[in-house]
Amino acid sequence: MDAIDNILETAQQRAEEMGLPYKGALLPAEAIALLRAKPETRLVDVRCKAELDWVGRIPGAIEIELSSYPGMQPNPDFVDQLAAQITDDATLMFICRSGNRSDHAATIMSQNGFPDCYNILEGFEGDKDESGHRGRKNGWKAAGLPWIQS
């Protein structure tokens, strides 16, 4: 079993232990390893446009709002917009600010016939630190993974 198989098995065990309705839950470092090893894997950033513009983006990610700012109104076309950009057998990894919206996105896509869905735990900015700031404690940015400021 190679490193990628180990990552996927661990992610699937996590999902099972957490009672998640989709295939797996990845840590940010595991997600980037999977993305680099399997370029056909798609990283889907479900944060709103304002977050992408003000906080930062992940190069190469598919960007589709799950909810729109202001008011965080649900995007009724989310499934169709994503389905138009991927294949039915794509491995999908979802990310948002902290892992909550991406959990919802992975659930939605799993329920709509996409069986290979993973949530990226901790999200782009991660949990708040003792000062109440995100982006320093854990998550994609804190792990030093690729991102750009708009």
N, C-alpha and C. Protein backbone atom coordinates (compact mmCIF):
# COMPACT_ATOMS: atom_id res chain seq x y z
N MET A 1 0.86 -1.19 0.00
CA MET A 1 0.00 0.00 0.00
C MET A 1 0.90 1.24 0.00
N ASP A 2 0.64 2.17 -0.91
CA ASP A 2 1.48 3.37 -0.96
C ASP A 2 0.91 4.47 -0.06
N ALA A 3 1.63 5.59 -0.02
CA ALA A 3 1.25 6.70 0.86
C ALA A 3 -0.15 7.23 0.55
N ILE A 4 -0.50 7.33 -0.73
CA ILE A 4 -1.83 7.85 -1.10
C ILE A 4 -2.92 6.89 -0.65
N ASP A 5 -2.70 5.61 -0.83
CA ASP A 5 -3.67 4.62 -0.34
C ASP A 5 -3.85 4.75 1.17
N ASN A 6 -2.76 4.97 1.89
CA ASN A 6 -2.83 5.15 3.35
C ASN A 6 -3.64 6.39 3.71
N ILE A 7 -3.41 7.48 2.98
CA ILE A 7 -4.16 8.72 3.23
C ILE A 7 -5.65 8.48 3.02
N LEU A 8 -6.00 7.84 1.90
CA LEU A 8 -7.41 7.60 1.60
C LEU A 8 -8.04 6.67 2.63
N GLU A 9 -7.32 5.64 3.03
CA GLU A 9 -7.86 4.72 4.04
C GLU A 9 -8.08 5.43 5.38
N THR A 10 -7.13 6.27 5.77
CA THR A 10 -7.27 7.03 7.02
C THR A 10 -8.45 7.99 6.93
N ALA A 11 -8.59 8.67 5.80
CA ALA A 11 -9.70 9.61 5.60
C ALA A 11 -11.04 8.89 5.66
N GLN A 12 -11.09 7.70 5.09
CA GLN A 12 -12.33 6.92 5.10
C GLN A 12 -12.65 6.42 6.51
N GLN A 13 -11.64 6.01 7.24
CA GLN A 13 -11.85 5.59 8.64
C GLN A 13 -12.35 6.75 9.48
N ARG A 14 -11.77 7.94 9.28
CA ARG A 14 -12.22 9.14 10.00
C ARG A 14 -13.70 9.40 9.74
N ALA A 15 -14.09 9.33 8.48
CA ALA A 15 -15.49 9.58 8.11
C ALA A 15 -16.41 8.57 8.79
N GLU A 16 -15.98 7.34 8.80
CA GLU A 16 -16.78 6.29 9.45
C GLU A 16 -16.92 6.58 10.95
N GLU A 17 -15.80 6.89 11.60
CA GLU A 17 -15.81 7.18 13.04
C GLU A 17 -16.66 8.41 13.37
N MET A 18 -16.66 9.39 12.47
CA MET A 18 -17.41 10.62 12.69
C MET A 18 -18.86 10.49 12.23
N GLY A 19 -19.21 9.37 11.61
CA GLY A 19 -20.57 9.17 11.13
C GLY A 19 -20.94 10.05 9.95
N LEU A 20 -19.99 10.32 9.09
CA LEU A 20 -20.22 11.22 7.96
C LEU A 20 -20.86 10.48 6.80
N PRO A 21 -21.72 11.14 6.04
CA PRO A 21 -22.44 10.49 4.94
C PRO A 21 -21.69 10.48 3.61
N TYR A 22 -20.41 10.83 3.63
CA TYR A 22 -19.60 10.83 2.41
C TYR A 22 -18.34 10.02 2.64
N LYS A 23 -17.52 9.89 1.63
CA LYS A 23 -16.43 8.91 1.63
C LYS A 23 -15.32 9.17 2.65
N GLY A 24 -14.91 10.43 2.85
CA GLY A 24 -13.78 10.64 3.75
C GLY A 24 -13.58 12.05 4.22
N ALA A 25 -12.74 12.19 5.25
CA ALA A 25 -12.39 13.48 5.84
C ALA A 25 -10.87 13.59 5.88
N LEU A 26 -10.35 14.61 5.22
CA LEU A 26 -8.91 14.80 5.07
C LEU A 26 -8.40 15.97 5.88
N LEU A 27 -7.18 15.88 6.35
CA LEU A 27 -6.49 17.04 6.91
C LEU A 27 -5.87 17.79 5.73
N PRO A 28 -5.59 19.09 5.87
CA PRO A 28 -5.05 19.85 4.75
C PRO A 28 -3.80 19.23 4.11
N ALA A 29 -2.84 18.77 4.90
CA ALA A 29 -1.62 18.18 4.34
C ALA A 29 -1.94 16.91 3.55
N GLU A 30 -2.92 16.16 3.99
CA GLU A 30 -3.34 14.97 3.25
C GLU A 30 -3.99 15.36 1.93
N ALA A 31 -4.78 16.42 1.96
CA ALA A 31 -5.47 16.89 0.75
C ALA A 31 -4.48 17.33 -0.32
N ILE A 32 -3.45 18.07 0.06
CA ILE A 32 -2.48 18.53 -0.94
C ILE A 32 -1.68 17.35 -1.48
N ALA A 33 -1.37 16.38 -0.64
CA ALA A 33 -0.65 15.18 -1.11
C ALA A 33 -1.49 14.43 -2.13
N LEU A 34 -2.78 14.30 -1.87
CA LEU A 34 -3.68 13.63 -2.79
C LEU A 34 -3.78 14.41 -4.11
N LEU A 35 -3.91 15.71 -4.01
CA LEU A 35 -4.01 16.57 -5.20
C LEU A 35 -2.76 16.45 -6.07
N ARG A 36 -1.60 16.43 -5.43
CA ARG A 36 -0.34 16.35 -6.18
C ARG A 36 -0.13 14.97 -6.79
N ALA A 37 -0.55 13.92 -6.09
CA ALA A 37 -0.34 12.55 -6.58
C ALA A 37 -1.38 12.13 -7.61
N LYS A 38 -2.57 12.69 -7.50
CA LYS A 38 -3.66 12.32 -8.41
C LYS A 38 -4.24 13.60 -9.01
N PRO A 39 -3.63 14.12 -10.07
CA PRO A 39 -4.07 15.40 -10.64
C PRO A 39 -5.53 15.41 -11.11
N GLU A 40 -6.12 14.22 -11.31
CA GLU A 40 -7.53 14.18 -11.71
C GLU A 40 -8.47 14.49 -10.53
N THR A 41 -7.92 14.54 -9.33
CA THR A 41 -8.69 14.93 -8.15
C THR A 41 -9.04 16.41 -8.28
N ARG A 42 -10.24 16.77 -7.91
CA ARG A 42 -10.68 18.17 -8.01
C ARG A 42 -10.87 18.76 -6.61
N LEU A 43 -10.24 19.91 -6.40
CA LEU A 43 -10.41 20.67 -5.16
C LEU A 43 -11.49 21.71 -5.42
N VAL A 44 -12.54 21.67 -4.62
CA VAL A 44 -13.68 22.56 -4.81
C VAL A 44 -13.79 23.49 -3.61
N ASP A 45 -13.58 24.78 -3.84
CA ASP A 45 -13.65 25.79 -2.80
C ASP A 45 -15.06 26.36 -2.80
N VAL A 46 -15.80 26.15 -1.72
CA VAL A 46 -17.20 26.55 -1.68
C VAL A 46 -17.43 27.86 -0.92
N ARG A 47 -16.33 28.57 -0.59
CA ARG A 47 -16.49 29.85 0.09
C ARG A 47 -17.13 30.87 -0.84
N CYS A 48 -17.71 31.91 -0.27
CA CYS A 48 -18.35 32.94 -1.08
C CYS A 48 -17.30 33.82 -1.76
N LYS A 49 -17.73 34.51 -2.80
CA LYS A 49 -16.82 35.35 -3.58
C LYS A 49 -16.10 36.37 -2.70
N ALA A 50 -16.80 36.94 -1.73
CA ALA A 50 -16.17 37.92 -0.85
C ALA A 50 -14.99 37.31 -0.08
N GLU A 51 -15.16 36.08 0.40
CA GLU A 51 -14.06 35.41 1.11
C GLU A 51 -12.88 35.16 0.17
N LEU A 52 -13.17 34.73 -1.04
CA LEU A 52 -12.10 34.48 -2.00
C LEU A 52 -11.35 35.77 -2.31
N ASP A 53 -12.09 36.85 -2.51
CA ASP A 53 -11.48 38.13 -2.86
C ASP A 53 -10.72 38.74 -1.69
N TRP A 54 -11.24 38.64 -0.48
CA TRP A 54 -10.66 39.34 0.67
C TRP A 54 -9.67 38.50 1.47
N VAL A 55 -9.87 37.18 1.50
CA VAL A 55 -9.05 36.33 2.36
C VAL A 55 -7.97 35.59 1.58
N GLY A 56 -8.30 35.13 0.38
CA GLY A 56 -7.33 34.44 -0.44
C GLY A 56 -7.94 33.26 -1.17
N ARG A 57 -7.22 32.79 -2.19
CA ARG A 57 -7.67 31.71 -3.06
C ARG A 57 -6.62 30.61 -3.11
N ILE A 58 -7.08 29.43 -3.50
CA ILE A 58 -6.19 28.30 -3.72
C ILE A 58 -6.04 28.15 -5.23
N PRO A 59 -4.83 28.31 -5.76
CA PRO A 59 -4.63 28.18 -7.20
C PRO A 59 -5.13 26.83 -7.72
N GLY A 60 -5.88 26.87 -8.82
CA GLY A 60 -6.37 25.66 -9.45
C GLY A 60 -7.66 25.10 -8.89
N ALA A 61 -8.15 25.65 -7.79
CA ALA A 61 -9.40 25.16 -7.20
C ALA A 61 -10.59 25.58 -8.06
N ILE A 62 -11.60 24.73 -8.10
CA ILE A 62 -12.88 25.08 -8.70
C ILE A 62 -13.59 25.93 -7.64
N GLU A 63 -14.03 27.11 -8.00
CA GLU A 63 -14.68 28.01 -7.04
C GLU A 63 -16.17 28.10 -7.35
N ILE A 64 -16.98 27.55 -6.45
CA ILE A 64 -18.44 27.63 -6.59
C ILE A 64 -19.01 27.92 -5.21
N GLU A 65 -19.68 29.06 -5.09
CA GLU A 65 -20.28 29.42 -3.80
C GLU A 65 -21.36 28.42 -3.41
N LEU A 66 -21.28 27.94 -2.18
CA LEU A 66 -22.38 27.14 -1.63
C LEU A 66 -23.45 28.10 -1.11
N SER A 67 -23.00 29.24 -0.57
CA SER A 67 -23.87 30.30 -0.08
C SER A 67 -23.26 31.63 -0.50
N SER A 68 -24.12 32.63 -0.75
CA SER A 68 -23.65 33.92 -1.23
C SER A 68 -23.71 34.99 -0.16
N TYR A 69 -22.72 35.85 -0.18
CA TYR A 69 -22.63 37.00 0.72
C TYR A 69 -23.25 38.20 0.02
N PRO A 70 -23.94 39.09 0.72
CA PRO A 70 -24.29 39.03 2.15
C PRO A 70 -25.52 38.15 2.38
N GLY A 71 -25.73 37.79 3.59
CA GLY A 71 -26.90 37.02 3.97
C GLY A 71 -26.71 35.52 3.89
N MET A 72 -25.65 35.08 3.22
CA MET A 72 -25.34 33.66 3.08
C MET A 72 -26.54 32.85 2.60
N GLN A 73 -27.14 33.35 1.52
CA GLN A 73 -28.26 32.66 0.88
C GLN A 73 -27.74 31.43 0.14
N PRO A 74 -28.38 30.28 0.30
CA PRO A 74 -27.92 29.07 -0.40
C PRO A 74 -27.95 29.24 -1.91
N ASN A 75 -26.97 28.66 -2.57
CA ASN A 75 -26.90 28.67 -4.03
C ASN A 75 -27.73 27.49 -4.54
N PRO A 76 -28.91 27.76 -5.13
CA PRO A 76 -29.78 26.67 -5.58
C PRO A 76 -29.21 25.89 -6.76
N ASP A 77 -28.21 26.45 -7.43
CA ASP A 77 -27.63 25.82 -8.61
C ASP A 77 -26.29 25.14 -8.33
N PHE A 78 -25.93 25.01 -7.05
CA PHE A 78 -24.62 24.47 -6.69
C PHE A 78 -24.33 23.13 -7.38
N VAL A 79 -25.21 22.16 -7.26
CA VAL A 79 -24.98 20.83 -7.82
C VAL A 79 -24.78 20.91 -9.33
N ASP A 80 -25.65 21.62 -10.03
CA ASP A 80 -25.56 21.73 -11.48
C ASP A 80 -24.28 22.46 -11.91
N GLN A 81 -23.93 23.53 -11.19
CA GLN A 81 -22.72 24.28 -11.53
C GLN A 81 -21.47 23.42 -11.38
N LEU A 82 -21.42 22.64 -10.32
CA LEU A 82 -20.26 21.77 -10.12
C LEU A 82 -20.28 20.61 -11.11
N ALA A 83 -21.42 19.99 -11.28
CA ALA A 83 -21.52 18.84 -12.19
C ALA A 83 -21.08 19.21 -13.61
N ALA A 84 -21.30 20.45 -14.01
CA ALA A 84 -20.90 20.90 -15.35
C ALA A 84 -19.39 20.99 -15.51
N GLN A 85 -18.65 20.98 -14.40
CA GLN A 85 -17.20 21.16 -14.46
C GLN A 85 -16.39 19.90 -14.14
N ILE A 86 -17.08 18.79 -13.85
CA ILE A 86 -16.38 17.58 -13.43
C ILE A 86 -16.95 16.36 -14.15
N THR A 87 -16.28 15.23 -13.99
CA THR A 87 -16.81 13.96 -14.49
C THR A 87 -17.52 13.25 -13.35
N ASP A 88 -18.41 12.32 -13.70
CA ASP A 88 -19.19 11.60 -12.69
C ASP A 88 -18.33 10.79 -11.73
N ASP A 89 -17.14 10.38 -12.18
CA ASP A 89 -16.30 9.54 -11.33
C ASP A 89 -15.15 10.32 -10.68
N ALA A 90 -15.23 11.64 -10.71
CA ALA A 90 -14.17 12.47 -10.14
C ALA A 90 -14.07 12.29 -8.62
N THR A 91 -12.83 12.34 -8.12
CA THR A 91 -12.61 12.44 -6.69
C THR A 91 -12.72 13.92 -6.35
N LEU A 92 -13.62 14.25 -5.44
CA LEU A 92 -13.89 15.65 -5.09
C LEU A 92 -13.47 15.92 -3.65
N MET A 93 -12.68 16.98 -3.45
CA MET A 93 -12.31 17.43 -2.12
C MET A 93 -12.89 18.83 -1.94
N PHE A 94 -13.62 19.01 -0.86
CA PHE A 94 -14.29 20.28 -0.61
C PHE A 94 -13.62 21.04 0.52
N ILE A 95 -13.50 22.37 0.34
CA ILE A 95 -12.92 23.21 1.37
C ILE A 95 -13.75 24.48 1.51
N CYS A 96 -13.81 25.01 2.73
CA CYS A 96 -14.44 26.31 3.00
C CYS A 96 -13.57 27.01 4.05
N ARG A 97 -14.11 27.90 4.82
CA ARG A 97 -13.32 28.61 5.82
C ARG A 97 -12.85 27.69 6.93
N SER A 98 -13.80 26.90 7.49
CA SER A 98 -13.45 26.10 8.67
C SER A 98 -13.83 24.63 8.59
N GLY A 99 -14.46 24.22 7.50
CA GLY A 99 -14.83 22.82 7.33
C GLY A 99 -16.31 22.53 7.46
N ASN A 100 -17.13 23.52 7.81
CA ASN A 100 -18.56 23.28 7.99
C ASN A 100 -19.34 23.30 6.68
N ARG A 101 -19.17 24.35 5.89
CA ARG A 101 -19.88 24.41 4.60
C ARG A 101 -19.37 23.31 3.67
N SER A 102 -18.09 23.02 3.73
CA SER A 102 -17.54 21.97 2.86
C SER A 102 -18.07 20.60 3.27
N ASP A 103 -18.36 20.41 4.55
CA ASP A 103 -19.02 19.19 5.01
C ASP A 103 -20.39 19.08 4.34
N HIS A 104 -21.10 20.19 4.33
CA HIS A 104 -22.44 20.22 3.71
C HIS A 104 -22.34 19.96 2.20
N ALA A 105 -21.34 20.56 1.54
CA ALA A 105 -21.16 20.37 0.10
C ALA A 105 -20.85 18.91 -0.22
N ALA A 106 -19.97 18.28 0.57
CA ALA A 106 -19.63 16.87 0.35
C ALA A 106 -20.88 16.00 0.52
N THR A 107 -21.71 16.33 1.49
CA THR A 107 -22.95 15.60 1.72
C THR A 107 -23.89 15.75 0.53
N ILE A 108 -24.08 16.98 0.08
CA ILE A 108 -24.98 17.25 -1.05
C ILE A 108 -24.54 16.49 -2.30
N MET A 109 -23.25 16.57 -2.61
CA MET A 109 -22.78 15.91 -3.83
C MET A 109 -22.85 14.39 -3.71
N SER A 110 -22.60 13.86 -2.53
CA SER A 110 -22.74 12.41 -2.32
C SER A 110 -24.18 11.98 -2.54
N GLN A 111 -25.12 12.79 -2.05
CA GLN A 111 -26.54 12.48 -2.21
C GLN A 111 -27.01 12.64 -3.66
N ASN A 112 -26.20 13.31 -4.48
CA ASN A 112 -26.56 13.53 -5.87
C ASN A 112 -25.73 12.68 -6.84
N GLY A 113 -25.27 11.54 -6.34
CA GLY A 113 -24.64 10.57 -7.23
C GLY A 113 -23.15 10.68 -7.44
N PHE A 114 -22.46 11.45 -6.63
CA PHE A 114 -21.01 11.55 -6.71
C PHE A 114 -20.43 10.85 -5.48
N PRO A 115 -19.99 9.61 -5.64
CA PRO A 115 -19.63 8.79 -4.47
C PRO A 115 -18.25 9.05 -3.86
N ASP A 116 -17.39 9.79 -4.56
CA ASP A 116 -16.00 9.94 -4.12
C ASP A 116 -15.75 11.34 -3.58
N CYS A 117 -16.48 11.71 -2.51
CA CYS A 117 -16.42 13.05 -1.93
C CYS A 117 -15.70 13.05 -0.59
N TYR A 118 -14.85 14.05 -0.40
CA TYR A 118 -14.07 14.21 0.82
C TYR A 118 -14.19 15.65 1.31
N ASN A 119 -14.28 15.82 2.62
CA ASN A 119 -14.24 17.14 3.22
C ASN A 119 -12.83 17.39 3.73
N ILE A 120 -12.35 18.63 3.58
CA ILE A 120 -11.07 19.00 4.15
C ILE A 120 -11.33 19.63 5.51
N LEU A 121 -10.98 18.86 6.54
CA LEU A 121 -11.16 19.32 7.92
C LEU A 121 -10.30 20.56 8.16
N GLU A 122 -10.73 21.41 9.04
CA GLU A 122 -10.05 22.65 9.42
C GLU A 122 -10.24 23.76 8.40
N GLY A 123 -10.53 23.43 7.14
CA GLY A 123 -10.81 24.42 6.13
C GLY A 123 -9.61 25.27 5.74
N PHE A 124 -9.89 26.39 5.09
CA PHE A 124 -8.85 27.29 4.59
C PHE A 124 -8.21 28.08 5.73
N GLU A 125 -9.04 28.60 6.64
CA GLU A 125 -8.52 29.44 7.72
C GLU A 125 -8.42 28.73 9.06
N GLY A 126 -9.10 27.61 9.22
CA GLY A 126 -9.01 26.87 10.47
C GLY A 126 -9.76 27.49 11.63
N ASP A 127 -9.45 26.99 12.81
CA ASP A 127 -10.09 27.45 14.04
C ASP A 127 -9.49 28.77 14.50
N LYS A 128 -10.23 29.47 15.33
CA LYS A 128 -9.72 30.70 15.93
C LYS A 128 -8.65 30.37 16.96
N ASP A 129 -7.62 31.22 17.03
CA ASP A 129 -6.59 31.05 18.05
C ASP A 129 -7.04 31.75 19.34
N GLU A 130 -6.16 31.77 20.33
CA GLU A 130 -6.52 32.37 21.63
C GLU A 130 -6.83 33.86 21.53
N SER A 131 -6.40 34.52 20.45
CA SER A 131 -6.70 35.93 20.23
C SER A 131 -7.95 36.14 19.39
N GLY A 132 -8.58 35.03 18.98
CA GLY A 132 -9.79 35.13 18.18
C GLY A 132 -9.55 35.28 16.69
N HIS A 133 -8.31 35.03 16.24
CA HIS A 133 -7.97 35.17 14.82
C HIS A 133 -7.86 33.80 14.16
N ARG A 134 -8.30 33.74 12.92
CA ARG A 134 -8.18 32.52 12.13
C ARG A 134 -6.92 32.59 11.26
N GLY A 135 -6.54 31.44 10.72
CA GLY A 135 -5.43 31.39 9.79
C GLY A 135 -4.08 31.14 10.43
N ARG A 136 -4.04 30.97 11.75
CA ARG A 136 -2.77 30.78 12.44
C ARG A 136 -2.67 29.45 13.17
N LYS A 137 -3.79 28.94 13.62
CA LYS A 137 -3.80 27.74 14.48
C LYS A 137 -3.75 26.45 13.67
N ASN A 138 -4.60 26.33 12.68
CA ASN A 138 -4.65 25.15 11.82
C ASN A 138 -5.32 25.55 10.51
N GLY A 139 -5.56 24.60 9.65
CA GLY A 139 -6.16 24.90 8.35
C GLY A 139 -5.12 25.01 7.25
N TRP A 140 -5.62 25.19 6.04
CA TRP A 140 -4.81 25.24 4.82
C TRP A 140 -3.72 26.30 4.91
N LYS A 141 -4.10 27.55 5.27
CA LYS A 141 -3.13 28.65 5.33
C LYS A 141 -2.06 28.39 6.39
N ALA A 142 -2.46 27.99 7.57
CA ALA A 142 -1.52 27.77 8.67
C ALA A 142 -0.56 26.63 8.35
N ALA A 143 -0.98 25.69 7.51
CA ALA A 143 -0.12 24.57 7.12
C ALA A 143 0.91 24.99 6.06
N GLY A 144 0.81 26.22 5.58
CA GLY A 144 1.75 26.73 4.58
C GLY A 144 1.52 26.17 3.19
N LEU A 145 0.28 25.78 2.91
CA LEU A 145 -0.05 25.21 1.61
C LEU A 145 -0.31 26.33 0.60
N PRO A 146 -0.28 26.04 -0.69
CA PRO A 146 -0.37 27.09 -1.72
C PRO A 146 -1.68 27.89 -1.65
N TRP A 147 -1.52 29.20 -1.65
CA TRP A 147 -2.66 30.11 -1.74
C TRP A 147 -2.13 31.45 -2.20
N ILE A 148 -3.03 32.27 -2.74
CA ILE A 148 -2.67 33.60 -3.19
C ILE A 148 -3.65 34.62 -2.62
N GLN A 149 -3.16 35.81 -2.42
CA GLN A 149 -4.01 36.92 -1.97
C GLN A 149 -4.53 37.63 -3.20
N SER A 150 -5.82 37.97 -3.18
CA SER A 150 -6.42 38.66 -4.34
C SER A 150 -5.99 40.10 -4.39
